[in-house]
Amino acid sequence: MDGTNHSKDILSEAKQTEKVSKLGRENGLFKQCMDEIKSSHSKGQALRSASLAAGAVSDVHVYAELLCQFYVATEALERRIDDFLDSDQKTIASNDGSNNNGTDNRSILQQVNSLDYRFSKGYERDLEFLLGSNWRCQVESMTTDPARDYIQRLRIADEIGLTAAAFILWGPLVIGGGAAIRPRVKKSFGEGATNVFNDVVGNAKGGKSERRRKFIDVYDSLLDHEGDKDVEKEKLEAIVNMAGEFMLLNNAMMLAVKKSPWWSKYVWAGVISIFAAGAFRLLPTGKRAN
């Protein structure tokens, strides 16, 4: 394993994320969410990239265990979104289809849902390919405590929480490194392990630029029709804060995947490299030479 190359991969992804974080409206929801999760997301990128690199070269179970955590969280998110929207439709129907003021909170989640992403089925096909027909039993045993905490939070999440969680669990695939990770996964495990990436590679949903543009535009416009500026500000702050909390849960899940000690050293080597390099870039030029 070439630790230098993997550190370069992590740095490259970090630079791409920094570039994306500057897109969107000034002081808009997308940029504020990105700013909120910046530190945690950088750590998450390092953890994910280094652990994938370590697992990809030797052990299918390392990758499957990591994949499992994001599957159970994403499945809980998407199930809750569907249940929430189904309840929303029933409420509207019971009111003869009327929306008295046009500012129903649940319209926020409807807009997020208009992105038309569902990743849990792709995760399921990948896990079955990697683990075999009894994959569900193995997923149950591999699910970490932080992932179980994540699930519990999502099962009772309101619209604000679901909007924030979708930003964290869908965003990295849609606007982050999903497409970049796919070739590594395919090379290591085969085409059958890449189903989760189907909607975020190539020309799917209009291609990379269109996928990114729509995701950013949807989040930036979520509160445009709120009407009450104070309520709009309150909701924006709530979504941003919860995005930060869910990003911390993402990292907690990855940190909890330590059942295979042989690869943990590679994870931490990658983490140390990325943050050492980041700290070096922050130093004044004169001090770098000392």
Protein backbone atom coordinates (compact mmCIF):
# COMPACT_ATOMS: atom_id res chain seq x y z
CA MET A 1 0.00 0.00 0.00
CA ASP A 2 1.32 3.47 -0.94
CA GLY A 3 0.32 5.76 1.90
CA THR A 4 1.57 8.81 -0.01
CA ASN A 5 -0.81 8.18 -2.90
CA HIS A 6 -3.77 7.67 -0.58
CA SER A 7 -2.94 10.89 1.25
CA LYS A 8 -2.92 12.68 -2.10
CA ASP A 9 -6.34 11.21 -2.89
CA ILE A 10 -7.70 12.51 0.40
CA LEU A 11 -6.21 15.95 -0.18
CA SER A 12 -7.66 16.05 -3.70
CA GLU A 13 -11.14 15.22 -2.40
CA ALA A 14 -10.78 17.85 0.33
CA LYS A 15 -9.90 20.48 -2.29
CA GLN A 16 -12.92 19.47 -4.37
CA THR A 17 -15.20 19.79 -1.35
CA GLU A 18 -13.77 23.22 -0.57
CA LYS A 19 -14.51 24.28 -4.15
CA VAL A 20 -18.08 22.99 -3.98
CA SER A 21 -18.66 24.66 -0.61
CA LYS A 22 -18.21 28.04 -2.29
CA LEU A 23 -21.09 27.42 -4.68
CA GLY A 24 -24.65 28.46 -4.00
CA ARG A 25 -26.11 31.70 -2.73
CA GLU A 26 -24.16 33.99 -0.47
CA ASN A 27 -25.50 33.29 3.03
CA GLY A 28 -27.78 30.66 1.51
CA LEU A 29 -28.73 27.39 3.17
CA PHE A 30 -26.35 25.26 1.11
CA LYS A 31 -23.27 27.34 1.87
CA GLN A 32 -24.20 27.68 5.53
CA CYS A 33 -24.61 23.91 5.87
CA MET A 34 -21.25 23.38 4.19
CA ASP A 35 -19.60 25.89 6.52
CA GLU A 36 -21.20 24.21 9.53
CA ILE A 37 -19.89 20.76 8.66
CA LYS A 38 -16.55 21.85 7.19
CA SER A 39 -14.29 20.61 9.98
CA SER A 40 -16.27 17.41 10.62
CA HIS A 41 -16.57 16.73 6.90
CA SER A 42 -12.82 17.04 6.36
CA LYS A 43 -12.28 14.51 9.12
CA GLY A 44 -14.96 12.27 7.61
CA GLN A 45 -13.34 12.41 4.19
CA ALA A 46 -10.03 11.36 5.68
CA LEU A 47 -11.58 8.52 7.62
CA ARG A 48 -13.65 7.28 4.69
CA SER A 49 -10.91 7.56 2.08
CA ALA A 50 -8.27 5.93 4.24
CA SER A 51 -10.54 3.10 5.41
CA LEU A 52 -11.72 2.40 1.85
CA ALA A 53 -8.14 2.36 0.67
CA ALA A 54 -7.16 -0.09 3.38
CA GLY A 55 -10.16 -2.37 2.87
CA ALA A 56 -10.14 -2.23 -0.90
CA VAL A 57 -6.81 -3.97 -1.23
CA SER A 58 -7.37 -6.91 1.09
CA ASP A 59 -10.74 -7.59 2.67
CA VAL A 60 -14.27 -7.43 1.33
CA HIS A 61 -15.63 -7.48 4.88
CA VAL A 62 -13.88 -4.23 5.76
CA TYR A 63 -15.66 -2.43 2.93
CA ALA A 64 -18.94 -4.22 3.64
CA GLU A 65 -18.79 -3.26 7.31
CA LEU A 66 -18.29 0.40 6.43
CA LEU A 67 -21.01 0.23 3.78
CA CYS A 68 -23.36 -1.35 6.31
CA GLN A 69 -23.28 1.72 8.58
CA PHE A 70 -24.34 4.07 5.83
CA TYR A 71 -26.94 1.63 4.56
CA VAL A 72 -28.81 1.33 7.86
CA ALA A 73 -28.75 5.11 8.37
CA THR A 74 -29.86 5.83 4.80
CA GLU A 75 -32.59 3.20 4.92
CA ALA A 76 -33.95 4.76 8.12
CA LEU A 77 -33.85 8.21 6.53
CA GLU A 78 -35.63 7.19 3.35
CA ARG A 79 -38.23 5.13 5.16
CA ARG A 80 -38.99 8.08 7.45
CA ILE A 81 -39.20 10.49 4.49
CA ASP A 82 -41.70 8.21 2.74
CA ASP A 83 -43.79 7.80 5.90
CA PHE A 84 -43.69 11.52 6.60
CA LEU A 85 -44.75 12.47 3.08
CA ASP A 86 -47.47 9.83 3.07
CA SER A 87 -48.86 11.32 6.28
CA ASP A 88 -48.56 14.77 4.75
CA GLN A 89 -50.63 13.77 1.73
CA LYS A 90 -53.32 12.27 3.94
CA THR A 91 -53.51 15.49 5.93
CA ILE A 92 -53.87 17.56 2.76
CA ALA A 93 -56.55 15.18 1.47
CA SER A 94 -58.50 15.43 4.73
CA ASN A 95 -58.49 19.21 4.29
CA ASP A 96 -60.00 18.87 0.78
CA GLY A 97 -56.58 19.42 -0.75
CA SER A 98 -56.35 22.96 0.55
CA ASN A 99 -53.32 24.63 2.02
CA ASN A 100 -54.59 27.69 3.84
CA ASN A 101 -51.48 29.85 3.77
CA GLY A 102 -49.20 28.08 1.28
CA THR A 103 -46.37 27.92 3.81
CA ASP A 104 -46.87 24.47 5.29
CA ASN A 105 -43.57 23.32 6.80
CA ARG A 106 -43.84 19.97 5.09
CA SER A 107 -43.43 21.61 1.69
CA ILE A 108 -39.72 21.82 2.56
CA LEU A 109 -39.42 18.05 2.60
CA GLN A 110 -41.47 17.76 -0.57
CA GLN A 111 -38.89 19.93 -2.31
CA VAL A 112 -36.04 17.80 -0.99
CA ASN A 113 -37.92 14.72 -2.15
CA SER A 114 -38.20 16.26 -5.62
CA LEU A 115 -34.49 15.50 -6.04
CA ASP A 116 -35.75 11.93 -6.56
CA TYR A 117 -32.94 10.08 -4.81
CA ARG A 118 -33.24 6.76 -3.02
CA PHE A 119 -29.95 5.04 -2.26
CA SER A 120 -31.01 2.30 0.14
CA LYS A 121 -31.91 -0.22 -2.60
CA GLY A 122 -28.51 0.25 -4.19
CA TYR A 123 -26.85 -0.35 -0.83
CA GLU A 124 -28.91 -3.53 -0.44
CA ARG A 125 -27.86 -4.93 -3.81
CA ASP A 126 -24.22 -4.13 -3.04
CA LEU A 127 -24.35 -5.79 0.38
CA GLU A 128 -26.03 -8.89 -1.05
CA PHE A 129 -23.33 -9.09 -3.72
CA LEU A 130 -20.57 -8.69 -1.14
CA LEU A 131 -21.97 -10.83 1.67
CA GLY A 132 -24.30 -13.34 0.04
CA SER A 133 -27.91 -14.29 0.59
CA ASN A 134 -27.78 -13.93 4.38
CA TRP A 135 -26.53 -10.36 4.15
CA ARG A 136 -29.35 -9.00 6.30
CA CYS A 137 -28.25 -11.10 9.27
CA GLN A 138 -24.68 -9.96 8.80
CA VAL A 139 -25.75 -6.34 8.58
CA GLU A 140 -27.55 -6.69 11.89
CA SER A 141 -24.43 -8.01 13.57
CA MET A 142 -22.17 -5.38 11.96
CA THR A 143 -24.32 -2.38 12.83
CA THR A 144 -22.40 -0.24 15.31
CA ASP A 145 -23.82 1.56 18.34
CA PRO A 146 -23.46 5.01 16.69
CA ALA A 147 -25.38 3.69 13.67
CA ARG A 148 -28.15 2.45 15.97
CA ASP A 149 -28.26 5.89 17.60
CA TYR A 150 -28.48 7.43 14.12
CA ILE A 151 -31.41 5.16 13.25
CA GLN A 152 -33.29 6.06 16.41
CA ARG A 153 -32.90 9.77 15.75
CA LEU A 154 -34.10 9.41 12.17
CA ARG A 155 -37.13 7.34 13.12
CA ILE A 156 -38.56 10.26 15.08
CA ALA A 157 -37.08 13.11 13.02
CA ASP A 158 -39.32 15.95 11.95
CA GLU A 159 -39.14 17.71 8.61
CA ILE A 160 -36.25 19.92 9.65
CA GLY A 161 -34.23 16.93 10.83
CA LEU A 162 -34.97 14.92 7.70
CA THR A 163 -33.96 17.82 5.48
CA ALA A 164 -30.64 18.10 7.33
CA ALA A 165 -30.05 14.33 7.31
CA ALA A 166 -30.68 14.14 3.55
CA PHE A 167 -28.06 16.84 3.09
CA ILE A 168 -25.55 14.73 5.02
CA LEU A 169 -26.39 11.23 3.75
CA TRP A 170 -27.27 12.07 0.14
CA GLY A 171 -25.02 15.08 -0.41
CA PRO A 172 -21.65 13.27 -0.41
CA LEU A 173 -22.91 10.91 -3.11
CA VAL A 174 -24.59 13.59 -5.22
CA ILE A 175 -22.08 16.45 -5.01
CA GLY A 176 -19.13 14.80 -3.27
CA GLY A 177 -16.87 11.91 -4.06
CA GLY A 178 -19.42 9.25 -4.99
CA ALA A 179 -18.44 9.07 -8.63
CA ALA A 180 -14.74 9.14 -7.72
CA ILE A 181 -15.03 6.20 -5.33
CA ARG A 182 -16.89 3.96 -7.78
CA PRO A 183 -13.87 2.96 -9.93
CA ARG A 184 -11.93 1.90 -6.83
CA VAL A 185 -14.83 -0.20 -5.60
CA LYS A 186 -15.37 -1.75 -9.04
CA LYS A 187 -11.69 -2.63 -9.40
CA SER A 188 -11.55 -4.27 -5.99
CA PHE A 189 -14.90 -6.07 -5.79
CA GLY A 190 -16.56 -5.99 -9.21
CA GLU A 191 -19.42 -4.20 -10.94
CA GLY A 192 -21.94 -5.87 -8.64
CA ALA A 193 -20.67 -3.83 -5.70
CA THR A 194 -21.32 -0.44 -7.32
CA ASN A 195 -25.12 -0.21 -7.42
CA VAL A 196 -25.32 2.57 -4.85
CA PHE A 197 -23.53 4.88 -7.30
CA ASN A 198 -25.91 4.33 -10.22
CA ASP A 199 -27.75 7.64 -9.87
CA VAL A 200 -24.63 9.75 -9.33
CA VAL A 201 -22.33 8.76 -12.20
CA GLY A 202 -22.24 9.43 -15.92
CA ASN A 203 -25.31 11.03 -17.46
CA ALA A 204 -27.70 9.98 -14.70
CA LYS A 205 -30.11 12.81 -13.85
CA GLY A 206 -28.57 15.11 -16.43
CA GLY A 207 -24.91 14.55 -15.65
CA LYS A 208 -22.56 15.69 -12.91
CA SER A 209 -23.03 19.45 -13.34
CA GLU A 210 -26.80 19.20 -13.49
CA ARG A 211 -26.97 16.90 -10.45
CA ARG A 212 -24.83 19.30 -8.46
CA ARG A 213 -26.70 22.40 -9.65
CA LYS A 214 -30.12 20.98 -8.81
CA PHE A 215 -29.05 19.78 -5.36
CA ILE A 216 -27.62 23.19 -4.48
CA ASP A 217 -30.58 25.09 -5.96
CA VAL A 218 -33.14 22.99 -4.12
CA TYR A 219 -31.49 23.56 -0.76
CA ASP A 220 -30.96 27.27 -1.40
CA SER A 221 -34.63 27.77 -2.36
CA LEU A 222 -36.25 25.67 0.38
CA LEU A 223 -37.29 28.66 2.46
CA ASP A 224 -37.94 31.18 -0.32
CA HIS A 225 -41.71 31.15 0.21
CA GLU A 226 -41.73 31.07 3.97
CA GLY A 227 -43.18 34.57 4.23
CA ASP A 228 -42.20 35.31 7.82
CA LYS A 229 -38.53 36.33 7.88
CA ASP A 230 -38.14 35.43 11.55
CA VAL A 231 -39.54 31.96 10.97
CA GLU A 232 -37.36 31.58 7.88
CA LYS A 233 -34.26 32.47 9.89
CA GLU A 234 -35.25 30.09 12.68
CA LYS A 235 -35.73 27.18 10.29
CA LEU A 236 -32.52 27.92 8.41
CA GLU A 237 -30.53 27.92 11.64
CA ALA A 238 -32.24 24.72 12.78
CA ILE A 239 -31.39 22.90 9.53
CA VAL A 240 -27.78 24.12 9.65
CA ASN A 241 -27.34 23.06 13.29
CA MET A 242 -28.85 19.64 12.68
CA ALA A 243 -26.66 19.12 9.62
CA GLY A 244 -23.70 19.60 11.92
CA GLU A 245 -25.07 17.07 14.39
CA PHE A 246 -25.68 14.46 11.70
CA MET A 247 -22.18 14.99 10.29
CA LEU A 248 -20.78 14.17 13.71
CA LEU A 249 -22.88 10.99 13.71
CA ASN A 250 -21.41 10.06 10.31
CA ASN A 251 -17.93 10.32 11.76
CA ALA A 252 -18.91 8.43 14.90
CA MET A 253 -20.11 5.53 12.73
CA MET A 254 -16.81 5.38 10.88
CA LEU A 255 -14.78 5.60 14.06
CA ALA A 256 -16.79 2.71 15.52
CA VAL A 257 -15.83 0.41 12.62
CA LYS A 258 -12.67 -0.97 14.23
CA LYS A 259 -13.26 -4.69 14.31
CA SER A 260 -10.27 -5.40 12.07
CA PRO A 261 -7.18 -4.02 13.83
CA TRP A 262 -4.87 -4.74 10.89
CA TRP A 263 -6.33 -1.94 8.80
CA SER A 264 -6.93 0.67 11.49
CA LYS A 265 -3.31 1.81 11.29
CA TYR A 266 -3.83 2.72 7.65
CA VAL A 267 -6.93 4.73 8.52
CA TRP A 268 -5.13 6.76 11.14
CA ALA A 269 -2.07 7.16 8.93
CA GLY A 270 -4.32 8.75 6.33
CA VAL A 271 -6.07 10.93 8.90
CA ILE A 272 -2.78 12.15 10.33
CA SER A 273 -1.43 12.88 6.85
CA ILE A 274 -4.43 14.95 5.77
CA PHE A 275 -4.56 17.04 8.92
CA ALA A 276 -0.80 17.50 9.08
CA ALA A 277 -0.86 18.77 5.51
CA GLY A 278 -3.83 21.01 6.28
CA ALA A 279 -2.10 22.49 9.30
CA PHE A 280 1.04 23.07 7.23
CA ARG A 281 -0.93 25.06 4.66
CA LEU A 282 -2.31 27.27 7.45
CA LEU A 283 1.12 28.21 8.77
CA PRO A 284 2.62 31.57 7.73
CA THR A 285 5.13 31.16 4.91
CA GLY A 286 8.11 32.05 7.06
CA LYS A 287 7.31 29.42 9.68
CA ARG A 288 6.97 26.66 7.08
CA ALA A 289 10.65 26.95 6.27
CA ASN A 290 11.74 26.59 9.90
